[in-house]
């Protein structure tokens, strides 16, 4: 397999931020499964959901969709087939 195309620094910065927020969301989700009435945790979860949405919107505006099958808006031209995909970097 060939080396993926090198992207600019902002690409990697946004991906790292998305990974960090995703980790927090998974952790909070697991916590809320066992503490469903913790209002503070629910507020934190909702905060990070919004933060993730904002990061994903910025990433997709600059670099194209993160996911497919109806989970991300795609502008013309269709860029899903362009490399690198987020999991390749």
PDB file of N, CA and C in Angstrom:
ATOM      1  N   UNK A   1       0.849  -1.180   0.000  1.00  0.00           N
ATOM      2  CA  UNK A   1       0.000   0.000   0.000  1.00  0.00           C
ATOM      3  C   UNK A   1       0.896   1.244   0.000  1.00  0.00           C
ATOM      4  N   UNK A   2       0.546   2.200  -0.811  1.00  0.00           N
ATOM      5  CA  UNK A   2       1.360   3.412  -0.895  1.00  0.00           C
ATOM      6  C   UNK A   2       1.066   4.342   0.283  1.00  0.00           C
ATOM      7  N   UNK A   3       2.001   5.250   0.515  1.00  0.00           N
ATOM      8  CA  UNK A   3       1.818   6.237   1.578  1.00  0.00           C
ATOM      9  C   UNK A   3       0.687   7.178   1.209  1.00  0.00           C
ATOM     10  N   UNK A   4      -0.181   7.510   2.181  1.00  0.00           N
ATOM     11  CA  UNK A   4      -1.256   8.453   1.880  1.00  0.00           C
ATOM     12  C   UNK A   4      -0.704   9.844   1.593  1.00  0.00           C
ATOM     13  N   UNK A   5      -1.465  10.595   0.853  1.00  0.00           N
ATOM     14  CA  UNK A   5      -1.081  11.970   0.526  1.00  0.00           C
ATOM     15  C   UNK A   5      -0.971  12.778   1.808  1.00  0.00           C
ATOM     16  N   UNK A   6       0.048  13.596   1.911  1.00  0.00           N
ATOM     17  CA  UNK A   6       0.262  14.440   3.090  1.00  0.00           C
ATOM     18  C   UNK A   6      -0.657  15.645   2.996  1.00  0.00           C
ATOM     19  N   UNK A   7      -1.367  15.931   4.067  1.00  0.00           N
ATOM     20  CA  UNK A   7      -2.299  17.053   4.115  1.00  0.00           C
ATOM     21  C   UNK A   7      -1.689  18.181   4.940  1.00  0.00           C
ATOM     22  N   UNK A   8      -2.314  19.360   4.896  1.00  0.00           N
ATOM     23  CA  UNK A   8      -1.799  20.498   5.652  1.00  0.00           C
ATOM     24  C   UNK A   8      -2.021  20.309   7.155  1.00  0.00           C
ATOM     25  N   UNK A   9      -1.390  21.157   7.940  1.00  0.00           N
ATOM     26  CA  UNK A   9      -1.409  21.027   9.402  1.00  0.00           C
ATOM     27  C   UNK A   9      -2.826  21.131   9.974  1.00  0.00           C
ATOM     28  N   UNK A  10      -3.677  21.973   9.387  1.00  0.00           N
ATOM     29  CA  UNK A  10      -5.046  22.142   9.899  1.00  0.00           C
ATOM     30  C   UNK A  10      -5.840  20.850   9.784  1.00  0.00           C
ATOM     31  N   UNK A  11      -5.611  20.092   8.739  1.00  0.00           N
ATOM     32  CA  UNK A  11      -6.266  18.803   8.537  1.00  0.00           C
ATOM     33  C   UNK A  11      -6.014  17.894   9.748  1.00  0.00           C
ATOM     34  N   UNK A  12      -4.746  17.761  10.108  1.00  0.00           N
ATOM     35  CA  UNK A  12      -4.375  16.886  11.223  1.00  0.00           C
ATOM     36  C   UNK A  12      -4.843  17.453  12.562  1.00  0.00           C
ATOM     37  N   UNK A  13      -4.821  18.759  12.699  1.00  0.00           N
ATOM     38  CA  UNK A  13      -5.300  19.394  13.925  1.00  0.00           C
ATOM     39  C   UNK A  13      -6.792  19.116  14.127  1.00  0.00           C
ATOM     40  N   UNK A  14      -7.576  19.287  13.080  1.00  0.00           N
ATOM     41  CA  UNK A  14      -9.015  19.028  13.189  1.00  0.00           C
ATOM     42  C   UNK A  14      -9.300  17.558  13.460  1.00  0.00           C
ATOM     43  N   UNK A  15      -8.578  16.659  12.795  1.00  0.00           N
ATOM     44  CA  UNK A  15      -8.772  15.229  13.061  1.00  0.00           C
ATOM     45  C   UNK A  15      -8.447  14.878  14.508  1.00  0.00           C
ATOM     46  N   UNK A  16      -7.377  15.444  15.032  1.00  0.00           N
ATOM     47  CA  UNK A  16      -7.001  15.181  16.421  1.00  0.00           C
ATOM     48  C   UNK A  16      -8.075  15.710  17.378  1.00  0.00           C
ATOM     49  N   UNK A  17      -8.591  16.893  17.103  1.00  0.00           N
ATOM     50  CA  UNK A  17      -9.653  17.451  17.939  1.00  0.00           C
ATOM     51  C   UNK A  17     -10.913  16.583  17.870  1.00  0.00           C
ATOM     52  N   UNK A  18     -11.255  16.116  16.679  1.00  0.00           N
ATOM     53  CA  UNK A  18     -12.415  15.231  16.542  1.00  0.00           C
ATOM     54  C   UNK A  18     -12.222  13.940  17.327  1.00  0.00           C
ATOM     55  N   UNK A  19     -11.029  13.375  17.272  1.00  0.00           N
ATOM     56  CA  UNK A  19     -10.761  12.147  18.021  1.00  0.00           C
ATOM     57  C   UNK A  19     -10.878  12.375  19.524  1.00  0.00           C
ATOM     58  N   UNK A  20     -10.380  13.508  19.996  1.00  0.00           N
ATOM     59  CA  UNK A  20     -10.460  13.813  21.430  1.00  0.00           C
ATOM     60  C   UNK A  20     -11.913  13.981  21.866  1.00  0.00           C
ATOM     61  N   UNK A  21     -12.686  14.711  21.078  1.00  0.00           N
ATOM     62  CA  UNK A  21     -14.097  14.918  21.425  1.00  0.00           C
ATOM     63  C   UNK A  21     -14.855  13.596  21.342  1.00  0.00           C
ATOM     64  N   UNK A  22     -14.567  12.781  20.341  1.00  0.00           N
ATOM     65  CA  UNK A  22     -15.218  11.473  20.243  1.00  0.00           C
ATOM     66  C   UNK A  22     -14.916  10.614  21.470  1.00  0.00           C
ATOM     67  N   UNK A  23     -13.686  10.664  21.953  1.00  0.00           N
ATOM     68  CA  UNK A  23     -13.325   9.909  23.152  1.00  0.00           C
ATOM     69  C   UNK A  23     -14.149  10.376  24.353  1.00  0.00           C
ATOM     70  N   UNK A  24     -14.268  11.689  24.523  1.00  0.00           N
ATOM     71  CA  UNK A  24     -15.062  12.244  25.629  1.00  0.00           C
ATOM     72  C   UNK A  24     -16.509  11.800  25.498  1.00  0.00           C
ATOM     73  N   UNK A  25     -17.054  11.844  24.280  1.00  0.00           N
ATOM     74  CA  UNK A  25     -18.452  11.456  24.081  1.00  0.00           C
ATOM     75  C   UNK A  25     -18.694   9.990  24.394  1.00  0.00           C
ATOM     76  N   UNK A  26     -17.772   9.125  23.997  1.00  0.00           N
ATOM     77  CA  UNK A  26     -17.920   7.700  24.326  1.00  0.00           C
ATOM     78  C   UNK A  26     -17.875   7.512  25.833  1.00  0.00           C
ATOM     79  N   UNK A  27     -16.931   8.171  26.487  1.00  0.00           N
ATOM     80  CA  UNK A  27     -16.796   8.051  27.934  1.00  0.00           C
ATOM     81  C   UNK A  27     -18.050   8.554  28.655  1.00  0.00           C
ATOM     82  N   UNK A  28     -18.538   9.718  28.250  1.00  0.00           N
ATOM     83  CA  UNK A  28     -19.757  10.258  28.863  1.00  0.00           C
ATOM     84  C   UNK A  28     -20.965   9.368  28.574  1.00  0.00           C
ATOM     85  N   UNK A  29     -21.022   8.824  27.377  1.00  0.00           N
ATOM     86  CA  UNK A  29     -22.121   7.924  27.037  1.00  0.00           C
ATOM     87  C   UNK A  29     -22.131   6.702  27.953  1.00  0.00           C
ATOM     88  N   UNK A  30     -20.957   6.129  28.165  1.00  0.00           N
ATOM     89  CA  UNK A  30     -20.864   4.970  29.061  1.00  0.00           C
ATOM     90  C   UNK A  30     -21.256   5.347  30.490  1.00  0.00           C
ATOM     91  N   UNK A  31     -20.791   6.488  30.947  1.00  0.00           N
ATOM     92  CA  UNK A  31     -21.143   6.959  32.287  1.00  0.00           C
ATOM     93  C   UNK A  31     -22.651   7.155  32.411  1.00  0.00           C
ATOM     94  N   UNK A  32     -23.247   7.791  31.404  1.00  0.00           N
ATOM     95  CA  UNK A  32     -24.687   8.066  31.464  1.00  0.00           C
ATOM     96  C   UNK A  32     -25.527   6.796  31.372  1.00  0.00           C
ATOM     97  N   UNK A  33     -24.979   5.737  30.808  1.00  0.00           N
ATOM     98  CA  UNK A  33     -25.698   4.458  30.807  1.00  0.00           C
ATOM     99  C   UNK A  33     -25.951   3.974  32.232  1.00  0.00           C
ATOM    100  N   UNK A  34     -25.043   4.305  33.145  1.00  0.00           N
ATOM    101  CA  UNK A  34     -25.187   3.859  34.535  1.00  0.00           C
ATOM    102  C   UNK A  34     -25.613   4.981  35.484  1.00  0.00           C
ATOM    103  N   UNK A  35     -25.629   6.231  34.998  1.00  0.00           N
ATOM    104  CA  UNK A  35     -26.025   7.384  35.802  1.00  0.00           C
ATOM    105  C   UNK A  35     -26.964   8.282  34.992  1.00  0.00           C
ATOM    106  N   UNK A  36     -28.110   7.755  34.586  1.00  0.00           N
ATOM    107  CA  UNK A  36     -28.980   8.473  33.644  1.00  0.00           C
ATOM    108  C   UNK A  36     -29.611   9.755  34.180  1.00  0.00           C
ATOM    109  N   UNK A  37     -29.527  10.003  35.464  1.00  0.00           N
ATOM    110  CA  UNK A  37     -30.140  11.216  36.024  1.00  0.00           C
ATOM    111  C   UNK A  37     -29.116  12.299  36.364  1.00  0.00           C
ATOM    112  N   UNK A  38     -27.870  12.093  36.000  1.00  0.00           N
ATOM    113  CA  UNK A  38     -26.814  13.068  36.289  1.00  0.00           C
ATOM    114  C   UNK A  38     -26.923  14.232  35.304  1.00  0.00           C
ATOM    115  N   UNK A  39     -27.580  15.288  35.730  1.00  0.00           N
ATOM    116  CA  UNK A  39     -27.859  16.430  34.861  1.00  0.00           C
ATOM    117  C   UNK A  39     -26.568  17.094  34.388  1.00  0.00           C
ATOM    118  N   UNK A  40     -25.580  17.204  35.247  1.00  0.00           N
ATOM    119  CA  UNK A  40     -24.316  17.821  34.859  1.00  0.00           C
ATOM    120  C   UNK A  40     -23.643  17.017  33.746  1.00  0.00           C
ATOM    121  N   UNK A  41     -23.656  15.703  33.855  1.00  0.00           N
ATOM    122  CA  UNK A  41     -23.054  14.863  32.818  1.00  0.00           C
ATOM    123  C   UNK A  41     -23.833  14.991  31.510  1.00  0.00           C
ATOM    124  N   UNK A  42     -25.134  15.087  31.580  1.00  0.00           N
ATOM    125  CA  UNK A  42     -25.947  15.276  30.376  1.00  0.00           C
ATOM    126  C   UNK A  42     -25.613  16.611  29.724  1.00  0.00           C
ATOM    127  N   UNK A  43     -25.439  17.640  30.531  1.00  0.00           N
ATOM    128  CA  UNK A  43     -25.057  18.951  29.992  1.00  0.00           C
ATOM    129  C   UNK A  43     -23.688  18.888  29.325  1.00  0.00           C
ATOM    130  N   UNK A  44     -22.743  18.194  29.966  1.00  0.00           N
ATOM    131  CA  UNK A  44     -21.415  18.026  29.371  1.00  0.00           C
ATOM    132  C   UNK A  44     -21.520  17.261  28.052  1.00  0.00           C
ATOM    133  N   UNK A  45     -22.308  16.205  28.051  1.00  0.00           N
ATOM    134  CA  UNK A  45     -22.493  15.416  26.836  1.00  0.00           C
ATOM    135  C   UNK A  45     -23.029  16.300  25.715  1.00  0.00           C
ATOM    136  N   UNK A  46     -24.064  17.069  25.998  1.00  0.00           N
ATOM    137  CA  UNK A  46     -24.650  17.934  24.980  1.00  0.00           C
ATOM    138  C   UNK A  46     -23.660  19.000  24.497  1.00  0.00           C
ATOM    139  N   UNK A  47     -22.852  19.505  25.410  1.00  0.00           N
ATOM    140  CA  UNK A  47     -21.814  20.472  25.035  1.00  0.00           C
ATOM    141  C   UNK A  47     -20.852  19.851  24.019  1.00  0.00           C
ATOM    142  N   UNK A  48     -20.402  18.629  24.295  1.00  0.00           N
ATOM    143  CA  UNK A  48     -19.444  17.984  23.403  1.00  0.00           C
ATOM    144  C   UNK A  48     -20.080  17.512  22.101  1.00  0.00           C
ATOM    145  N   UNK A  49     -21.373  17.195  22.133  1.00  0.00           N
ATOM    146  CA  UNK A  49     -22.079  16.890  20.882  1.00  0.00           C
ATOM    147  C   UNK A  49     -22.037  18.113  19.971  1.00  0.00           C
ATOM    148  N   UNK A  50     -22.319  19.286  20.522  1.00  0.00           N
ATOM    149  CA  UNK A  50     -22.284  20.516  19.741  1.00  0.00           C
ATOM    150  C   UNK A  50     -20.870  20.825  19.267  1.00  0.00           C
ATOM    151  N   UNK A  51     -19.886  20.635  20.140  1.00  0.00           N
ATOM    152  CA  UNK A  51     -18.493  20.873  19.759  1.00  0.00           C
ATOM    153  C   UNK A  51     -18.083  19.942  18.622  1.00  0.00           C
ATOM    154  N   UNK A  52     -18.496  18.689  18.695  1.00  0.00           N
ATOM    155  CA  UNK A  52     -18.156  17.737  17.643  1.00  0.00           C
ATOM    156  C   UNK A  52     -18.820  18.130  16.328  1.00  0.00           C
ATOM    157  N   UNK A  53     -20.071  18.527  16.402  1.00  0.00           N
ATOM    158  CA  UNK A  53     -20.782  18.956  15.205  1.00  0.00           C
ATOM    159  C   UNK A  53     -20.056  20.127  14.546  1.00  0.00           C
ATOM    160  N   UNK A  54     -19.640  21.108  15.357  1.00  0.00           N
ATOM    161  CA  UNK A  54     -18.922  22.269  14.817  1.00  0.00           C
ATOM    162  C   UNK A  54     -17.600  21.872  14.172  1.00  0.00           C
ATOM    163  N   UNK A  55     -16.841  21.009  14.840  1.00  0.00           N
ATOM    164  CA  UNK A  55     -15.570  20.547  14.287  1.00  0.00           C
ATOM    165  C   UNK A  55     -15.782  19.777  12.982  1.00  0.00           C
ATOM    166  N   UNK A  56     -16.774  18.901  12.977  1.00  0.00           N
ATOM    167  CA  UNK A  56     -17.046  18.116  11.774  1.00  0.00           C
ATOM    168  C   UNK A  56     -17.464  19.016  10.623  1.00  0.00           C
ATOM    169  N   UNK A  57     -18.281  20.024  10.900  1.00  0.00           N
ATOM    170  CA  UNK A  57     -18.694  20.955   9.857  1.00  0.00           C
ATOM    171  C   UNK A  57     -17.488  21.687   9.266  1.00  0.00           C
ATOM    172  N   UNK A  58     -16.581  22.128  10.123  1.00  0.00           N
ATOM    173  CA  UNK A  58     -15.391  22.823   9.637  1.00  0.00           C
ATOM    174  C   UNK A  58     -14.513  21.883   8.813  1.00  0.00           C
ATOM    175  N   UNK A  59     -14.297  20.670   9.325  1.00  0.00           N
ATOM    176  CA  UNK A  59     -13.484  19.705   8.604  1.00  0.00           C
ATOM    177  C   UNK A  59     -14.078  19.435   7.224  1.00  0.00           C
ATOM    178  N   UNK A  60     -15.376  19.171   7.181  1.00  0.00           N
ATOM    179  CA  UNK A  60     -16.016  18.828   5.914  1.00  0.00           C
ATOM    180  C   UNK A  60     -16.046  20.009   4.949  1.00  0.00           C
ATOM    181  N   UNK A  61     -16.170  21.202   5.464  1.00  0.00           N
ATOM    182  CA  UNK A  61     -16.136  22.387   4.609  1.00  0.00           C
ATOM    183  C   UNK A  61     -14.770  22.513   3.932  1.00  0.00           C
ATOM    184  N   UNK A  62     -13.717  22.208   4.688  1.00  0.00           N
ATOM    185  CA  UNK A  62     -12.361  22.357   4.172  1.00  0.00           C
ATOM    186  C   UNK A  62     -11.863  21.149   3.374  1.00  0.00           C
ATOM    187  N   UNK A  63     -12.240  19.935   3.807  1.00  0.00           N
ATOM    188  CA  UNK A  63     -11.597  18.740   3.271  1.00  0.00           C
ATOM    189  C   UNK A  63     -12.542  17.686   2.709  1.00  0.00           C
ATOM    190  N   UNK A  64     -13.835  17.895   2.810  1.00  0.00           N
ATOM    191  CA  UNK A  64     -14.773  16.902   2.297  1.00  0.00           C
ATOM    192  C   UNK A  64     -15.347  16.047   3.408  1.00  0.00           C
ATOM    193  N   UNK A  65     -16.216  15.117   3.043  1.00  0.00           N
ATOM    194  CA  UNK A  65     -16.972  14.353   4.041  1.00  0.00           C
ATOM    195  C   UNK A  65     -16.111  13.441   4.917  1.00  0.00           C
ATOM    196  N   UNK A  66     -16.526  13.336   6.180  1.00  0.00           N
ATOM    197  CA  UNK A  66     -15.907  12.405   7.124  1.00  0.00           C
ATOM    198  C   UNK A  66     -16.524  11.019   7.002  1.00  0.00           C
ATOM    199  N   UNK A  67     -17.801  10.976   6.737  1.00  0.00           N
ATOM    200  CA  UNK A  67     -18.531   9.719   6.607  1.00  0.00           C
ATOM    201  C   UNK A  67     -19.411   9.804   5.369  1.00  0.00           C
ATOM    202  N   UNK A  68     -20.056   8.711   5.043  1.00  0.00           N
ATOM    203  CA  UNK A  68     -20.912   8.700   3.868  1.00  0.00           C
ATOM    204  C   UNK A  68     -22.241   8.043   4.198  1.00  0.00           C
ATOM    205  N   UNK A  69     -22.988   7.665   3.200  1.00  0.00           N
ATOM    206  CA  UNK A  69     -24.299   7.039   3.331  1.00  0.00           C
ATOM    207  C   UNK A  69     -25.277   7.932   4.080  1.00  0.00           C
ATOM    208  N   UNK A  70     -25.245   9.223   3.741  1.00  0.00           N
ATOM    209  CA  UNK A  70     -26.228  10.144   4.283  1.00  0.00           C
ATOM    210  C   UNK A  70     -25.862  10.814   5.589  1.00  0.00           C
ATOM    211  N   UNK A  71     -24.655  10.598   6.085  1.00  0.00           N
ATOM    212  CA  UNK A  71     -24.251  11.201   7.353  1.00  0.00           C
ATOM    213  C   UNK A  71     -23.509  12.519   7.183  1.00  0.00           C
ATOM    214  N   UNK A  72     -23.090  12.814   5.969  1.00  0.00           N
ATOM    215  CA  UNK A  72     -22.361  14.050   5.690  1.00  0.00           C
ATOM    216  C   UNK A  72     -22.882  14.662   4.403  1.00  0.00           C
ATOM    217  N   UNK A  73     -22.988  15.971   4.406  1.00  0.00           N
ATOM    218  CA  UNK A  73     -23.345  16.700   3.197  1.00  0.00           C
ATOM    219  C   UNK A  73     -22.140  16.696   2.271  1.00  0.00           C
ATOM    220  N   UNK A  74     -22.370  16.600   0.990  1.00  0.00           N
ATOM    221  CA  UNK A  74     -21.274  16.634   0.032  1.00  0.00           C
ATOM    222  C   UNK A  74     -21.538  17.708  -1.004  1.00  0.00           C
ATOM    223  N   UNK A  75     -20.546  18.522  -1.240  1.00  0.00           N
ATOM    224  CA  UNK A  75     -20.619  19.543  -2.275  1.00  0.00           C
ATOM    225  C   UNK A  75     -20.057  18.994  -3.573  1.00  0.00           C
ATOM    226  N   UNK A  76     -20.332  19.682  -4.670  1.00  0.00           N
ATOM    227  CA  UNK A  76     -19.766  19.300  -5.955  1.00  0.00           C
ATOM    228  C   UNK A  76     -18.360  19.882  -6.059  1.00  0.00           C
ATOM    229  N   UNK A  77     -17.413  19.217  -6.615  1.00  0.00           N
ATOM    230  CA  UNK A  77     -17.558  17.869  -7.150  1.00  0.00           C
ATOM    231  C   UNK A  77     -17.572  16.827  -6.028  1.00  0.00           C
ATOM    232  N   UNK A  78     -18.074  15.648  -6.344  1.00  0.00           N
ATOM    233  CA  UNK A  78     -18.106  14.541  -5.396  1.00  0.00           C
ATOM    234  C   UNK A  78     -16.685  14.213  -4.988  1.00  0.00           C
ATOM    235  N   UNK A  79     -16.373  14.347  -3.692  1.00  0.00           N
ATOM    236  CA  UNK A  79     -14.986  14.204  -3.238  1.00  0.00           C
ATOM    237  C   UNK A  79     -14.743  12.951  -2.424  1.00  0.00           C
ATOM    238  N   UNK A  80     -15.757  12.120  -2.251  1.00  0.00           N
ATOM    239  CA  UNK A  80     -15.583  10.959  -1.382  1.00  0.00           C
ATOM    240  C   UNK A  80     -14.505  10.017  -1.907  1.00  0.00           C
ATOM    241  N   UNK A  81     -14.361   9.942  -3.202  1.00  0.00           N
ATOM    242  CA  UNK A  81     -13.378   9.011  -3.773  1.00  0.00           C
ATOM    243  C   UNK A  81     -11.955   9.545  -3.711  1.00  0.00           C
ATOM    244  N   UNK A  82     -11.780  10.796  -3.298  1.00  0.00           N
ATOM    245  CA  UNK A  82     -10.441  11.373  -3.202  1.00  0.00           C
ATOM    246  C   UNK A  82      -9.747  10.909  -1.929  1.00  0.00           C
ATOM    247  N   UNK A  83      -8.494  10.649  -2.036  1.00  0.00           N
ATOM    248  CA  UNK A  83      -7.685  10.223  -0.904  1.00  0.00           C
ATOM    249  C   UNK A  83      -6.958  11.437  -0.334  1.00  0.00           C
ATOM    250  N   UNK A  84      -6.533  11.476   0.896  1.00  0.00           N
ATOM    251  CA  UNK A  84      -6.697  10.395   1.862  1.00  0.00           C
ATOM    252  C   UNK A  84      -8.034  10.484   2.588  1.00  0.00           C
ATOM    253  N   UNK A  85      -8.510   9.346   3.005  1.00  0.00           N
ATOM    254  CA  UNK A  85      -9.695   9.309   3.840  1.00  0.00           C
ATOM    255  C   UNK A  85      -9.232   9.474   5.285  1.00  0.00           C
ATOM    256  N   UNK A  86     -10.093   9.964   6.159  1.00  0.00           N
ATOM    257  CA  UNK A  86      -9.655  10.247   7.540  1.00  0.00           C
ATOM    258  C   UNK A  86      -8.951   9.072   8.234  1.00  0.00           C
ATOM    259  N   UNK A  87      -9.333   7.850   7.925  1.00  0.00           N
ATOM    260  CA  UNK A  87      -8.714   6.704   8.599  1.00  0.00           C
ATOM    261  C   UNK A  87      -7.389   6.306   7.960  1.00  0.00           C
ATOM    262  N   UNK A  88      -6.988   6.985   6.874  1.00  0.00           N
ATOM    263  CA  UNK A  88      -5.726   6.666   6.224  1.00  0.00           C
ATOM    264  C   UNK A  88      -4.562   7.513   6.719  1.00  0.00           C
ATOM    265  N   UNK A  89      -4.838   8.529   7.497  1.00  0.00           N
ATOM    266  CA  UNK A  89      -3.757   9.425   7.910  1.00  0.00           C
ATOM    267  C   UNK A  89      -3.292   9.136   9.314  1.00  0.00           C
TER     268      UNK A  89
END
